[in-house]
């Protein structure tokens, strides 16, 4: 009888240790997967940020010779968004055309694709203090690309979400 109790105790102890090991391994795997999703989302946001910042600073700068040093003829905030005839990112020619743009996008992954919602916002900020939103045109625009993971199979983790921001100015943009 004492041997049976001892064997039963050893079996319970071994089962508890094995279960703990399995939970620990699952936690490590889940953490690694979360990092992969975060990196995928960050890569997607960076790609969209690069696509926006390769455009002209403003519609008024397209075909303009030399650098802009004044706010004359800059697009007012109320007119941000695609201009007439611009129907997709391929036809957008300046940074503020992307204001309000949103789409469902995905990143290739081992198990298929990771789906994300992407949204882009553009606003004028103070050229000397980029944390301050400007109510009128300035020589600095903030581009904010926000990503939100879309996944019906989220188990014990929050979906990946985040925002990457960049400040652009006419002197930082490529020549157009």
N, C-alpha and C. Protein backbone atom coordinates (compact mmCIF):
# COMPACT_ATOMS: atom_id res chain seq x y z
N UNK A 1 0.81 -1.19 0.00
CA UNK A 1 0.00 0.00 0.00
C UNK A 1 0.86 1.27 0.00
N UNK A 2 1.89 1.39 0.87
CA UNK A 2 2.71 2.59 0.83
C UNK A 2 3.41 2.74 -0.52
N UNK A 3 3.77 1.61 -1.14
CA UNK A 3 4.44 1.70 -2.43
C UNK A 3 3.48 2.21 -3.50
N UNK A 4 2.23 1.84 -3.40
CA UNK A 4 1.22 2.29 -4.36
C UNK A 4 1.01 3.79 -4.23
N UNK A 5 0.92 4.27 -2.98
CA UNK A 5 0.77 5.71 -2.75
C UNK A 5 1.99 6.48 -3.25
N UNK A 6 3.16 5.92 -3.01
CA UNK A 6 4.39 6.55 -3.47
C UNK A 6 4.44 6.59 -4.99
N UNK A 7 4.05 5.52 -5.64
CA UNK A 7 4.03 5.48 -7.11
C UNK A 7 3.00 6.46 -7.66
N UNK A 8 1.84 6.55 -7.02
CA UNK A 8 0.79 7.49 -7.43
C UNK A 8 1.28 8.93 -7.26
N UNK A 9 1.93 9.21 -6.14
CA UNK A 9 2.49 10.54 -5.90
C UNK A 9 3.54 10.89 -6.97
N UNK A 10 4.39 9.95 -7.30
CA UNK A 10 5.42 10.18 -8.32
C UNK A 10 4.78 10.44 -9.68
N UNK A 11 3.72 9.72 -9.99
CA UNK A 11 3.01 9.89 -11.25
C UNK A 11 2.37 11.28 -11.33
N UNK A 12 1.74 11.71 -10.26
CA UNK A 12 1.13 13.05 -10.20
C UNK A 12 2.21 14.12 -10.33
N UNK A 13 3.32 13.95 -9.64
CA UNK A 13 4.42 14.91 -9.70
C UNK A 13 4.99 14.98 -11.12
N UNK A 14 5.21 13.86 -11.74
CA UNK A 14 5.74 13.82 -13.09
C UNK A 14 4.77 14.46 -14.08
N UNK A 15 3.49 14.20 -13.92
CA UNK A 15 2.46 14.79 -14.80
C UNK A 15 2.44 16.31 -14.65
N UNK A 16 2.56 16.79 -13.42
CA UNK A 16 2.56 18.23 -13.17
C UNK A 16 3.77 18.90 -13.81
N UNK A 17 4.93 18.29 -13.67
CA UNK A 17 6.15 18.84 -14.27
C UNK A 17 6.03 18.82 -15.80
N UNK A 18 5.53 17.73 -16.36
CA UNK A 18 5.38 17.62 -17.82
C UNK A 18 4.40 18.67 -18.34
N UNK A 19 3.30 18.87 -17.64
CA UNK A 19 2.32 19.88 -18.04
C UNK A 19 2.92 21.28 -17.97
N UNK A 20 3.67 21.55 -16.93
CA UNK A 20 4.36 22.84 -16.81
C UNK A 20 5.32 23.07 -17.96
N UNK A 21 6.07 22.06 -18.33
CA UNK A 21 7.01 22.16 -19.45
C UNK A 21 6.25 22.44 -20.75
N UNK A 22 5.15 21.76 -20.93
CA UNK A 22 4.37 21.95 -22.15
C UNK A 22 3.79 23.37 -22.21
N UNK A 23 3.28 23.86 -21.10
CA UNK A 23 2.76 25.24 -21.06
C UNK A 23 3.87 26.24 -21.34
N UNK A 24 5.04 26.02 -20.80
CA UNK A 24 6.17 26.91 -21.03
C UNK A 24 6.56 26.92 -22.51
N UNK A 25 6.62 25.76 -23.11
CA UNK A 25 6.96 25.67 -24.54
C UNK A 25 5.90 26.36 -25.39
N UNK A 26 4.63 26.20 -25.04
CA UNK A 26 3.55 26.86 -25.79
C UNK A 26 3.63 28.37 -25.66
N UNK A 27 3.98 28.86 -24.47
CA UNK A 27 4.13 30.29 -24.25
C UNK A 27 5.28 30.84 -25.09
N UNK A 28 6.38 30.13 -25.15
CA UNK A 28 7.51 30.56 -25.97
C UNK A 28 7.13 30.60 -27.45
N UNK A 29 6.43 29.58 -27.91
CA UNK A 29 5.99 29.54 -29.31
C UNK A 29 5.05 30.69 -29.63
N UNK A 30 4.10 30.94 -28.73
CA UNK A 30 3.15 32.03 -28.93
C UNK A 30 3.87 33.37 -28.96
N UNK A 31 4.85 33.54 -28.09
CA UNK A 31 5.63 34.79 -28.07
C UNK A 31 6.41 34.98 -29.36
N UNK A 32 7.00 33.91 -29.86
CA UNK A 32 7.74 33.99 -31.12
C UNK A 32 6.81 34.32 -32.27
N UNK A 33 5.63 33.74 -32.26
CA UNK A 33 4.65 34.02 -33.31
C UNK A 33 4.19 35.47 -33.25
N UNK A 34 3.97 35.99 -32.03
CA UNK A 34 3.57 37.39 -31.88
C UNK A 34 4.64 38.31 -32.46
N UNK A 35 5.91 38.02 -32.20
CA UNK A 35 7.00 38.85 -32.73
C UNK A 35 6.99 38.81 -34.26
N UNK A 36 6.74 37.64 -34.84
CA UNK A 36 6.66 37.53 -36.30
C UNK A 36 5.53 38.39 -36.84
N UNK A 37 4.37 38.37 -36.19
CA UNK A 37 3.23 39.18 -36.62
C UNK A 37 3.56 40.67 -36.50
N UNK A 38 4.23 41.04 -35.40
CA UNK A 38 4.60 42.44 -35.20
C UNK A 38 5.58 42.91 -36.28
N UNK A 39 6.56 42.07 -36.59
CA UNK A 39 7.52 42.41 -37.64
C UNK A 39 6.83 42.51 -39.00
N UNK A 40 5.92 41.61 -39.27
CA UNK A 40 5.19 41.65 -40.54
C UNK A 40 4.38 42.95 -40.64
N UNK A 41 3.69 43.32 -39.57
CA UNK A 41 2.92 44.56 -39.55
C UNK A 41 3.81 45.79 -39.71
N UNK A 42 4.96 45.78 -39.04
CA UNK A 42 5.90 46.89 -39.15
C UNK A 42 6.44 47.01 -40.58
N UNK A 43 6.77 45.89 -41.19
CA UNK A 43 7.25 45.90 -42.57
C UNK A 43 6.19 46.46 -43.51
N UNK A 44 4.95 46.08 -43.31
CA UNK A 44 3.87 46.58 -44.15
C UNK A 44 3.69 48.08 -43.97
N UNK A 45 3.71 48.55 -42.73
CA UNK A 45 3.57 49.99 -42.47
C UNK A 45 4.74 50.76 -43.08
N UNK A 46 5.95 50.23 -42.97
CA UNK A 46 7.12 50.89 -43.57
C UNK A 46 6.99 50.97 -45.09
N UNK A 47 6.50 49.91 -45.70
CA UNK A 47 6.33 49.90 -47.16
C UNK A 47 5.34 50.98 -47.59
N UNK A 48 4.23 51.11 -46.87
CA UNK A 48 3.27 52.15 -47.21
C UNK A 48 3.83 53.55 -46.93
N UNK A 49 4.58 53.70 -45.85
CA UNK A 49 5.20 54.98 -45.55
C UNK A 49 6.17 55.38 -46.66
N UNK A 50 6.95 54.42 -47.15
CA UNK A 50 7.88 54.69 -48.26
C UNK A 50 7.12 55.06 -49.52
N UNK A 51 6.00 54.39 -49.79
CA UNK A 51 5.21 54.69 -50.98
C UNK A 51 4.65 56.11 -50.94
N UNK A 52 4.27 56.57 -49.76
CA UNK A 52 3.72 57.92 -49.62
C UNK A 52 4.84 58.96 -49.73
N UNK A 53 5.93 58.74 -49.05
CA UNK A 53 6.99 59.76 -49.01
C UNK A 53 7.77 59.89 -50.31
N UNK A 54 7.59 58.98 -51.24
CA UNK A 54 8.27 59.14 -52.53
C UNK A 54 7.52 60.09 -53.46
N UNK A 55 6.35 60.54 -53.03
CA UNK A 55 5.56 61.50 -53.82
C UNK A 55 6.02 62.93 -53.53
N UNK A 56 5.53 63.85 -54.34
CA UNK A 56 5.83 65.28 -54.14
C UNK A 56 5.24 65.75 -52.81
N UNK A 57 5.82 66.79 -52.24
CA UNK A 57 5.33 67.33 -50.99
C UNK A 57 3.90 67.83 -51.14
N UNK A 58 3.61 68.52 -52.25
CA UNK A 58 2.30 69.12 -52.46
C UNK A 58 2.01 69.17 -53.95
N UNK A 59 0.75 69.23 -54.29
CA UNK A 59 0.33 69.33 -55.69
C UNK A 59 0.99 70.53 -56.36
N UNK A 60 1.12 71.63 -55.63
CA UNK A 60 1.71 72.86 -56.18
C UNK A 60 3.20 72.70 -56.48
N UNK A 61 3.84 71.64 -55.96
CA UNK A 61 5.28 71.44 -56.19
C UNK A 61 5.58 70.57 -57.41
N UNK A 62 4.57 69.99 -58.00
CA UNK A 62 4.80 69.12 -59.17
C UNK A 62 5.19 69.99 -60.35
N UNK A 63 6.35 69.72 -60.91
CA UNK A 63 6.86 70.49 -62.04
C UNK A 63 7.51 71.81 -61.64
N UNK A 64 7.55 72.09 -60.38
CA UNK A 64 8.13 73.35 -59.89
C UNK A 64 9.65 73.26 -59.93
N UNK A 65 10.27 74.32 -60.36
CA UNK A 65 11.73 74.39 -60.37
C UNK A 65 12.22 74.97 -59.04
N UNK A 66 13.27 74.39 -58.50
CA UNK A 66 13.86 74.89 -57.26
C UNK A 66 13.12 74.41 -56.02
N UNK A 67 13.61 74.85 -54.87
CA UNK A 67 13.03 74.45 -53.59
C UNK A 67 11.97 75.42 -53.13
N UNK A 68 11.03 74.93 -52.38
CA UNK A 68 9.97 75.77 -51.80
C UNK A 68 10.44 76.29 -50.44
N UNK A 69 10.26 77.61 -50.23
CA UNK A 69 10.62 78.21 -48.95
C UNK A 69 9.45 78.96 -48.31
N UNK A 70 8.31 78.97 -48.99
CA UNK A 70 7.13 79.65 -48.46
C UNK A 70 5.94 78.70 -48.53
N UNK A 71 4.86 79.09 -47.86
CA UNK A 71 3.66 78.26 -47.87
C UNK A 71 2.68 78.71 -48.96
N UNK A 72 3.08 79.62 -49.82
CA UNK A 72 2.21 80.11 -50.89
C UNK A 72 1.69 78.96 -51.74
N UNK A 73 0.42 78.95 -52.01
CA UNK A 73 -0.30 78.01 -52.89
C UNK A 73 -0.29 76.56 -52.42
N UNK A 74 0.05 76.29 -51.15
CA UNK A 74 -0.03 74.92 -50.65
C UNK A 74 -1.49 74.51 -50.48
N UNK A 75 -1.77 73.24 -50.62
CA UNK A 75 -3.12 72.70 -50.47
C UNK A 75 -3.61 72.91 -49.04
N UNK A 76 -4.83 73.40 -48.91
CA UNK A 76 -5.40 73.58 -47.57
C UNK A 76 -5.86 72.21 -47.06
N UNK A 77 -5.88 72.05 -45.76
CA UNK A 77 -6.21 70.77 -45.14
C UNK A 77 -7.56 70.23 -45.62
N UNK A 78 -8.52 71.09 -45.80
CA UNK A 78 -9.85 70.65 -46.23
C UNK A 78 -9.81 69.97 -47.61
N UNK A 79 -8.80 70.26 -48.41
CA UNK A 79 -8.69 69.68 -49.74
C UNK A 79 -7.76 68.47 -49.80
N UNK A 80 -7.30 67.98 -48.64
CA UNK A 80 -6.47 66.77 -48.63
C UNK A 80 -7.29 65.59 -49.16
N UNK A 81 -6.60 64.64 -49.73
CA UNK A 81 -7.23 63.47 -50.33
C UNK A 81 -6.93 63.48 -51.81
N UNK A 82 -7.40 62.46 -52.52
CA UNK A 82 -7.10 62.38 -53.95
C UNK A 82 -7.69 63.56 -54.71
N UNK A 83 -6.96 64.02 -55.71
CA UNK A 83 -7.43 65.09 -56.58
C UNK A 83 -8.28 64.48 -57.69
N UNK A 84 -8.95 65.30 -58.45
CA UNK A 84 -9.80 64.85 -59.54
C UNK A 84 -9.00 63.96 -60.49
N UNK A 85 -9.51 62.78 -60.78
CA UNK A 85 -8.85 61.85 -61.69
C UNK A 85 -7.88 60.89 -61.01
N UNK A 86 -7.61 61.11 -59.74
CA UNK A 86 -6.72 60.20 -58.99
C UNK A 86 -7.58 59.17 -58.29
N UNK A 87 -7.52 57.94 -58.79
CA UNK A 87 -8.44 56.91 -58.32
C UNK A 87 -7.79 55.82 -57.48
N UNK A 88 -6.47 55.78 -57.46
CA UNK A 88 -5.76 54.74 -56.70
C UNK A 88 -4.37 55.24 -56.36
N UNK A 89 -3.68 54.58 -55.42
CA UNK A 89 -2.33 55.01 -55.07
C UNK A 89 -1.38 55.12 -56.27
N UNK A 90 -1.61 54.33 -57.29
CA UNK A 90 -0.76 54.40 -58.48
C UNK A 90 -0.88 55.76 -59.18
N UNK A 91 -2.01 56.43 -59.01
CA UNK A 91 -2.22 57.73 -59.67
C UNK A 91 -2.01 58.91 -58.73
N UNK A 92 -1.81 58.66 -57.44
CA UNK A 92 -1.56 59.75 -56.50
C UNK A 92 -0.19 60.35 -56.79
N UNK A 93 -0.13 61.68 -56.83
CA UNK A 93 1.15 62.31 -57.18
C UNK A 93 1.75 63.16 -56.07
N UNK A 94 1.02 63.36 -54.98
CA UNK A 94 1.60 64.10 -53.85
C UNK A 94 1.15 63.47 -52.53
N UNK A 95 1.86 63.82 -51.47
CA UNK A 95 1.69 63.22 -50.15
C UNK A 95 0.26 63.31 -49.63
N UNK A 96 -0.36 64.46 -49.73
CA UNK A 96 -1.68 64.61 -49.10
C UNK A 96 -2.79 63.89 -49.85
N UNK A 97 -2.52 63.35 -51.04
CA UNK A 97 -3.52 62.54 -51.74
C UNK A 97 -3.88 61.30 -50.93
N UNK A 98 -2.97 60.85 -50.07
CA UNK A 98 -3.19 59.64 -49.28
C UNK A 98 -4.02 59.86 -48.03
N UNK A 99 -4.35 61.12 -47.70
CA UNK A 99 -5.11 61.37 -46.48
C UNK A 99 -6.47 60.68 -46.56
N UNK A 100 -6.78 59.87 -45.56
CA UNK A 100 -8.04 59.14 -45.52
C UNK A 100 -8.03 57.83 -46.28
N UNK A 101 -6.89 57.48 -46.88
CA UNK A 101 -6.79 56.24 -47.64
C UNK A 101 -6.81 55.05 -46.68
N UNK A 102 -7.56 54.01 -47.05
CA UNK A 102 -7.62 52.80 -46.23
C UNK A 102 -7.82 51.60 -47.15
N UNK A 103 -7.24 50.48 -46.77
CA UNK A 103 -7.42 49.25 -47.54
C UNK A 103 -7.10 48.05 -46.67
N UNK A 104 -7.50 46.89 -47.16
CA UNK A 104 -7.13 45.62 -46.54
C UNK A 104 -5.91 45.13 -47.31
N UNK A 105 -4.84 44.81 -46.61
CA UNK A 105 -3.60 44.35 -47.24
C UNK A 105 -3.13 43.12 -46.48
N UNK A 106 -2.13 42.46 -47.01
CA UNK A 106 -1.63 41.27 -46.31
C UNK A 106 -0.14 41.11 -46.56
N UNK A 107 0.47 40.30 -45.72
CA UNK A 107 1.89 40.01 -45.79
C UNK A 107 2.04 38.50 -45.92
N UNK A 108 2.89 38.05 -46.86
CA UNK A 108 3.14 36.61 -47.00
C UNK A 108 3.79 36.09 -45.74
N UNK A 109 3.38 34.90 -45.33
CA UNK A 109 3.88 34.29 -44.10
C UNK A 109 3.96 32.79 -44.33
N UNK A 110 4.68 32.09 -43.48
CA UNK A 110 4.84 30.63 -43.62
C UNK A 110 3.52 29.90 -43.85
N UNK A 111 2.54 30.25 -43.07
CA UNK A 111 1.27 29.54 -43.11
C UNK A 111 0.28 30.18 -44.08
N UNK A 112 0.73 31.06 -44.96
CA UNK A 112 -0.17 31.74 -45.90
C UNK A 112 0.04 33.23 -45.87
N UNK A 113 -1.00 33.96 -45.50
CA UNK A 113 -0.93 35.42 -45.46
C UNK A 113 -1.45 35.94 -44.14
N UNK A 114 -0.83 37.02 -43.67
CA UNK A 114 -1.31 37.69 -42.46
C UNK A 114 -2.10 38.91 -42.93
N UNK A 115 -3.39 38.96 -42.63
CA UNK A 115 -4.21 40.08 -43.09
C UNK A 115 -4.14 41.29 -42.14
N UNK A 116 -4.05 42.47 -42.74
CA UNK A 116 -4.01 43.72 -41.98
C UNK A 116 -4.93 44.74 -42.61
N UNK A 117 -5.48 45.63 -41.79
CA UNK A 117 -6.15 46.83 -42.28
C UNK A 117 -5.13 47.94 -42.19
N UNK A 118 -5.02 48.73 -43.25
CA UNK A 118 -4.07 49.83 -43.31
C UNK A 118 -4.85 51.13 -43.50
N UNK A 119 -4.52 52.15 -42.75
CA UNK A 119 -5.12 53.47 -42.96
C UNK A 119 -4.02 54.52 -42.86
N UNK A 120 -4.20 55.58 -43.65
CA UNK A 120 -3.18 56.62 -43.72
C UNK A 120 -3.84 57.98 -43.47
N UNK A 121 -3.18 58.79 -42.65
CA UNK A 121 -3.64 60.15 -42.35
C UNK A 121 -2.48 61.11 -42.59
N UNK A 122 -2.80 62.26 -43.13
CA UNK A 122 -1.80 63.30 -43.39
C UNK A 122 -2.31 64.60 -42.77
N UNK A 123 -1.41 65.33 -42.14
CA UNK A 123 -1.80 66.63 -41.57
C UNK A 123 -0.59 67.56 -41.54
N UNK A 124 -0.86 68.85 -41.51
CA UNK A 124 0.21 69.83 -41.35
C UNK A 124 0.62 69.87 -39.89
N UNK A 125 1.90 69.99 -39.66
CA UNK A 125 2.43 70.17 -38.31
C UNK A 125 3.39 71.35 -38.34
N UNK A 126 3.70 71.85 -37.16
CA UNK A 126 4.65 72.95 -37.05
C UNK A 126 6.03 72.48 -37.52
N UNK A 127 6.66 73.25 -38.38
CA UNK A 127 7.98 72.88 -38.90
C UNK A 127 9.04 72.90 -37.80
N UNK A 128 8.85 73.73 -36.79
CA UNK A 128 9.83 73.81 -35.71
C UNK A 128 9.50 72.91 -34.53
N UNK A 129 8.24 72.46 -34.45
CA UNK A 129 7.81 71.58 -33.36
C UNK A 129 6.81 70.58 -33.93
N UNK A 130 7.31 69.49 -34.53
CA UNK A 130 6.45 68.55 -35.24
C UNK A 130 5.37 67.86 -34.41
N UNK A 131 5.40 67.99 -33.09
CA UNK A 131 4.35 67.41 -32.27
C UNK A 131 3.10 68.30 -32.23
N UNK A 132 3.22 69.51 -32.77
CA UNK A 132 2.12 70.47 -32.73
C UNK A 132 1.41 70.48 -34.09
N UNK A 133 0.11 70.16 -34.07
CA UNK A 133 -0.69 70.16 -35.29
C UNK A 133 -0.94 71.61 -35.69
N UNK A 134 -0.78 71.90 -36.98
CA UNK A 134 -0.99 73.26 -37.48
C UNK A 134 -2.36 73.35 -38.14
N UNK A 135 -3.02 74.47 -37.93
CA UNK A 135 -4.34 74.68 -38.52
C UNK A 135 -4.29 75.21 -39.94
N UNK A 136 -3.14 75.65 -40.36
CA UNK A 136 -2.98 76.19 -41.72
C UNK A 136 -1.73 75.57 -42.34
N UNK A 137 -1.57 75.72 -43.66
CA UNK A 137 -0.41 75.11 -44.32
C UNK A 137 0.93 75.54 -43.73
N UNK A 138 1.82 74.55 -43.60
CA UNK A 138 3.19 74.79 -43.14
C UNK A 138 4.12 74.04 -44.08
N UNK A 139 5.40 74.14 -43.82
CA UNK A 139 6.38 73.42 -44.63
C UNK A 139 6.71 72.05 -44.04
N UNK A 140 5.77 71.50 -43.29
CA UNK A 140 5.95 70.16 -42.72
C UNK A 140 4.60 69.44 -42.68
N UNK A 141 4.61 68.21 -43.16
CA UNK A 141 3.42 67.37 -43.10
C UNK A 141 3.78 66.09 -42.36
N UNK A 142 2.87 65.66 -41.50
CA UNK A 142 3.04 64.39 -40.81
C UNK A 142 2.22 63.33 -41.55
N UNK A 143 2.86 62.21 -41.82
CA UNK A 143 2.17 61.07 -42.42
C UNK A 143 2.11 59.99 -41.34
N UNK A 144 0.91 59.50 -41.07
CA UNK A 144 0.72 58.44 -40.08
C UNK A 144 0.09 57.23 -40.77
N UNK A 145 0.83 56.12 -40.74
CA UNK A 145 0.33 54.87 -41.31
C UNK A 145 -0.03 53.95 -40.14
N UNK A 146 -1.30 53.60 -40.05
CA UNK A 146 -1.78 52.74 -38.97
C UNK A 146 -2.14 51.37 -39.53
N UNK A 147 -1.67 50.34 -38.85
CA UNK A 147 -2.00 48.96 -39.24
C UNK A 147 -2.74 48.29 -38.10
N UNK A 148 -3.67 47.43 -38.46
CA UNK A 148 -4.46 46.66 -37.49
C UNK A 148 -4.61 45.26 -38.05
N UNK A 149 -4.14 44.27 -37.30
CA UNK A 149 -4.24 42.88 -37.75
C UNK A 149 -5.70 42.44 -37.77
N UNK A 150 -6.06 41.74 -38.83
CA UNK A 150 -7.39 41.13 -38.95
C UNK A 150 -7.19 39.63 -38.92
N UNK A 151 -7.67 38.97 -37.88
CA UNK A 151 -7.50 37.53 -37.82
C UNK A 151 -8.59 36.92 -36.95
N UNK A 152 -9.33 35.98 -37.50
CA UNK A 152 -10.39 35.36 -36.70
C UNK A 152 -9.86 34.32 -35.71
N UNK A 153 -8.60 33.94 -35.80
CA UNK A 153 -8.06 32.86 -34.97
C UNK A 153 -7.16 33.35 -33.85
N UNK A 154 -7.46 34.48 -33.28
CA UNK A 154 -6.62 35.00 -32.20
C UNK A 154 -6.87 34.19 -30.94
N UNK A 155 -5.83 33.57 -30.46
CA UNK A 155 -5.94 32.75 -29.26
C UNK A 155 -5.00 33.30 -28.19
N UNK A 156 -5.59 33.83 -27.15
CA UNK A 156 -4.82 34.31 -25.99
C UNK A 156 -3.81 35.40 -26.33
N UNK A 157 -4.11 36.23 -27.33
CA UNK A 157 -3.24 37.36 -27.62
C UNK A 157 -4.06 38.46 -28.28
N UNK A 158 -3.57 39.65 -28.15
CA UNK A 158 -4.23 40.78 -28.79
C UNK A 158 -3.74 40.90 -30.23
N UNK A 159 -4.58 41.41 -31.11
CA UNK A 159 -4.13 41.60 -32.49
C UNK A 159 -3.04 42.67 -32.56
N UNK A 160 -2.16 42.52 -33.51
CA UNK A 160 -1.08 43.49 -33.71
C UNK A 160 -1.68 44.78 -34.26
N UNK A 161 -1.30 45.89 -33.69
CA UNK A 161 -1.72 47.19 -34.21
C UNK A 161 -0.64 48.21 -33.86
N UNK A 162 -0.55 49.23 -34.66
CA UNK A 162 0.44 50.26 -34.40
C UNK A 162 0.40 51.33 -35.47
N UNK A 163 1.13 52.41 -35.21
CA UNK A 163 1.19 53.53 -36.13
C UNK A 163 2.64 53.95 -36.31
N UNK A 164 3.05 54.09 -37.56
CA UNK A 164 4.36 54.66 -37.88
C UNK A 164 4.12 56.05 -38.43
N UNK A 165 4.95 56.99 -37.98
CA UNK A 165 4.81 58.38 -38.41
C UNK A 165 6.10 58.87 -39.03
N UNK A 166 5.94 59.79 -39.97
CA UNK A 166 7.09 60.45 -40.58
C UNK A 166 6.71 61.89 -40.85
N UNK A 167 7.69 62.77 -40.74
CA UNK A 167 7.50 64.17 -41.07
C UNK A 167 8.22 64.43 -42.39
N UNK A 168 7.53 65.04 -43.33
CA UNK A 168 8.15 65.39 -44.61
C UNK A 168 8.10 66.88 -44.83
N UNK A 169 9.04 67.36 -45.59
CA UNK A 169 9.09 68.79 -45.94
C UNK A 169 9.46 68.90 -47.42
N UNK A 170 9.27 70.06 -48.03
CA UNK A 170 9.60 70.19 -49.44
C UNK A 170 11.09 69.95 -49.72
N UNK A 171 11.94 70.31 -48.80
CA UNK A 171 13.37 70.13 -49.02
C UNK A 171 13.79 68.68 -48.83
N UNK A 172 12.99 67.89 -48.11
CA UNK A 172 13.34 66.49 -47.89
C UNK A 172 12.81 65.58 -49.01
N UNK A 173 11.87 66.11 -49.81
CA UNK A 173 11.29 65.30 -50.88
C UNK A 173 12.23 65.28 -52.08
N UNK A 174 12.08 64.26 -52.89
CA UNK A 174 12.89 64.13 -54.11
C UNK A 174 12.43 65.17 -55.13
N UNK A 175 13.29 65.46 -56.07
CA UNK A 175 12.95 66.43 -57.09
C UNK A 175 11.84 65.93 -58.01
N UNK A 176 10.89 66.81 -58.35
CA UNK A 176 9.78 66.45 -59.24
C UNK A 176 9.71 67.41 -60.38
